C-alpha atoms as a PDB file:
ATOM      1  CA  MET A   1      13.038 -29.487 -48.946  1.00  0.00           C
ATOM      2  CA  THR A   2      14.893 -26.262 -49.712  1.00  0.00           C
ATOM      3  CA  VAL A   3      18.179 -25.350 -48.025  1.00  0.00           C
ATOM      4  CA  SER A   4      18.667 -21.838 -46.610  1.00  0.00           C
ATOM      5  CA  LEU A   5      22.011 -20.325 -45.655  1.00  0.00           C
ATOM      6  CA  VAL A   6      23.371 -17.138 -44.194  1.00  0.00           C
ATOM      7  CA  VAL A   7      27.035 -16.485 -44.900  1.00  0.00           C
ATOM      8  CA  LEU A   8      28.809 -13.913 -42.726  1.00  0.00           C
ATOM      9  CA  LEU A   9      31.691 -12.063 -44.390  1.00  0.00           C
ATOM     10  CA  GLU A  10      34.197  -9.672 -42.868  1.00  0.00           C
ATOM     11  CA  VAL A  11      36.536  -7.725 -45.125  1.00  0.00           C
ATOM     12  CA  GLN A  12      39.722  -5.891 -44.294  1.00  0.00           C
ATOM     13  CA  PRO A  13      39.176  -2.197 -43.502  1.00  0.00           C
ATOM     14  CA  GLY A  14      38.749  -0.147 -46.640  1.00  0.00           C
ATOM     15  CA  LYS A  15      38.278  -3.173 -48.923  1.00  0.00           C
ATOM     16  CA  SER A  16      34.500  -3.403 -49.032  1.00  0.00           C
ATOM     17  CA  GLN A  17      34.355  -2.356 -52.686  1.00  0.00           C
ATOM     18  CA  GLN A  18      36.512  -5.355 -53.583  1.00  0.00           C
ATOM     19  CA  GLN A  19      33.955  -7.632 -51.909  1.00  0.00           C
ATOM     20  CA  ILE A  20      31.118  -6.035 -53.852  1.00  0.00           C
ATOM     21  CA  GLU A  21      32.983  -6.347 -57.158  1.00  0.00           C
ATOM     22  CA  ALA A  22      33.937  -9.980 -56.492  1.00  0.00           C
ATOM     23  CA  PHE A  23      30.321 -10.838 -55.681  1.00  0.00           C
ATOM     24  CA  ASN A  24      29.026  -9.049 -58.771  1.00  0.00           C
ATOM     25  CA  ALA A  25      31.501 -10.993 -60.918  1.00  0.00           C
ATOM     26  CA  ILE A  26      30.184 -14.412 -59.846  1.00  0.00           C
ATOM     27  CA  VAL A  27      26.527 -13.705 -59.114  1.00  0.00           C
ATOM     28  CA  PRO A  28      25.302 -14.399 -62.685  1.00  0.00           C
ATOM     29  CA  LEU A  29      27.141 -17.735 -62.669  1.00  0.00           C
ATOM     30  CA  VAL A  30      25.762 -18.735 -59.280  1.00  0.00           C
ATOM     31  CA  ARG A  31      22.199 -17.734 -60.082  1.00  0.00           C
ATOM     32  CA  ALA A  32      22.436 -19.822 -63.276  1.00  0.00           C
ATOM     33  CA  GLU A  33      23.387 -22.936 -61.289  1.00  0.00           C
ATOM     34  CA  GLU A  34      20.782 -25.665 -61.172  1.00  0.00           C
ATOM     35  CA  GLY A  35      18.885 -25.418 -57.897  1.00  0.00           C
ATOM     36  CA  CYS A  36      19.775 -21.817 -57.029  1.00  0.00           C
ATOM     37  CA  ILE A  37      16.690 -20.043 -55.735  1.00  0.00           C
ATOM     38  CA  GLU A  38      18.299 -17.027 -54.032  1.00  0.00           C
ATOM     39  CA  TYR A  39      21.806 -15.586 -53.865  1.00  0.00           C
ATOM     40  CA  GLU A  40      21.974 -12.018 -52.494  1.00  0.00           C
ATOM     41  CA  LEU A  41      24.681  -9.844 -50.945  1.00  0.00           C
ATOM     42  CA  HIS A  42      23.772  -7.449 -48.119  1.00  0.00           C
ATOM     43  CA  ARG A  43      25.914  -4.903 -46.314  1.00  0.00           C
ATOM     44  CA  VAL A  44      25.477  -4.780 -42.547  1.00  0.00           C
ATOM     45  CA  GLU A  45      24.120  -1.374 -41.612  1.00  0.00           C
ATOM     46  CA  GLY A  46      26.591   0.658 -39.590  1.00  0.00           C
ATOM     47  CA  ASN A  47      29.653  -1.420 -40.520  1.00  0.00           C
ATOM     48  CA  ASP A  48      31.049  -1.154 -44.047  1.00  0.00           C
ATOM     49  CA  ASP A  49      33.382  -4.099 -43.411  1.00  0.00           C
ATOM     50  CA  LEU A  50      30.620  -6.651 -42.706  1.00  0.00           C
ATOM     51  CA  PHE A  51      28.463  -8.375 -45.290  1.00  0.00           C
ATOM     52  CA  VAL A  52      25.913 -11.163 -45.351  1.00  0.00           C
ATOM     53  CA  ILE A  53      25.048 -13.417 -48.259  1.00  0.00           C
ATOM     54  CA  THR A  54      21.614 -15.007 -48.118  1.00  0.00           C
ATOM     55  CA  GLU A  55      21.256 -18.198 -50.143  1.00  0.00           C
ATOM     56  CA  GLN A  56      18.486 -20.624 -50.852  1.00  0.00           C
ATOM     57  CA  TRP A  57      18.961 -23.878 -52.734  1.00  0.00           C
ATOM     58  CA  ALA A  58      16.482 -26.437 -54.000  1.00  0.00           C
ATOM     59  CA  SER A  59      18.309 -29.307 -52.271  1.00  0.00           C
ATOM     60  CA  ASP A  60      21.419 -30.384 -50.386  1.00  0.00           C
ATOM     61  CA  GLU A  61      22.696 -31.821 -53.667  1.00  0.00           C
ATOM     62  CA  ALA A  62      22.386 -28.442 -55.416  1.00  0.00           C
ATOM     63  CA  LEU A  63      24.263 -26.788 -52.549  1.00  0.00           C
ATOM     64  CA  ALA A  64      26.977 -29.451 -52.688  1.00  0.00           C
ATOM     65  CA  ALA A  65      27.415 -28.901 -56.435  1.00  0.00           C
ATOM     66  CA  HIS A  66      27.624 -25.142 -55.838  1.00  0.00           C
ATOM     67  CA  SER A  67      30.440 -25.626 -53.347  1.00  0.00           C
ATOM     68  CA  VAL A  68      32.654 -27.324 -55.934  1.00  0.00           C
ATOM     69  CA  ALA A  69      31.705 -25.214 -58.954  1.00  0.00           C
ATOM     70  CA  PRO A  70      34.832 -23.871 -60.706  1.00  0.00           C
ATOM     71  CA  HIS A  71      33.773 -20.239 -60.227  1.00  0.00           C
ATOM     72  CA  MET A  72      33.372 -20.805 -56.474  1.00  0.00           C
ATOM     73  CA  ILE A  73      36.790 -22.431 -56.179  1.00  0.00           C
ATOM     74  CA  ALA A  74      38.330 -19.487 -58.067  1.00  0.00           C
ATOM     75  CA  ALA A  75      36.405 -16.994 -55.914  1.00  0.00           C
ATOM     76  CA  ALA A  76      37.729 -18.580 -52.731  1.00  0.00           C
ATOM     77  CA  GLU A  77      41.257 -17.802 -53.897  1.00  0.00           C
ATOM     78  CA  THR A  78      40.395 -14.248 -54.987  1.00  0.00           C
ATOM     79  CA  ASN A  79      38.635 -13.504 -51.694  1.00  0.00           C
ATOM     80  CA  LYS A  80      41.819 -14.078 -49.700  1.00  0.00           C
ATOM     81  CA  ALA A  81      43.121 -10.705 -50.962  1.00  0.00           C
ATOM     82  CA  PHE A  82      40.451  -8.685 -49.132  1.00  0.00           C
ATOM     83  CA  ARG A  83      38.786 -10.876 -46.498  1.00  0.00           C
ATOM     84  CA  ALA A  84      39.679 -10.329 -42.846  1.00  0.00           C
ATOM     85  CA  ALA A  85      38.659 -13.874 -41.872  1.00  0.00           C
ATOM     86  CA  PRO A  86      37.170 -16.989 -43.448  1.00  0.00           C
ATOM     87  CA  ALA A  87      33.469 -16.805 -44.234  1.00  0.00           C
ATOM     88  CA  LYS A  88      31.141 -18.163 -41.554  1.00  0.00           C
ATOM     89  CA  LEU A  89      28.421 -20.372 -42.972  1.00  0.00           C
ATOM     90  CA  LEU A  90      25.150 -20.793 -41.075  1.00  0.00           C
ATOM     91  CA  LYS A  91      22.732 -23.419 -42.374  1.00  0.00           C
ATOM     92  CA  LEU A  92      19.216 -22.587 -41.228  1.00  0.00           C
ATOM     93  CA  LYS A  93      16.448 -24.980 -40.297  1.00  0.00           C
ATOM     94  CA  PRO A  94      12.791 -24.238 -39.712  1.00  0.00           C
ATOM     95  CA  VAL A  95      11.450 -24.293 -36.159  1.00  0.00           C
END
């Protein structure tokens, strides 16, 4: 069964471009990970400081490996420079 996530991101005012650049830097690495089906960044309409990442993974194991990938660990440190709050991860389940 696939795993779907929505990740809510809030950046500090005026730092949205840094979020976009940070995402663009890691997106090829993430999409190349085994089990990555979807990894997309979206800006929330009407609020330049809010973003959503939609993710879909082939399995819980693929998602777990993603979480500890070196590029994700490095990104977590980089993101501290422009994020207003920690990311909020929502794991979705079908109804």
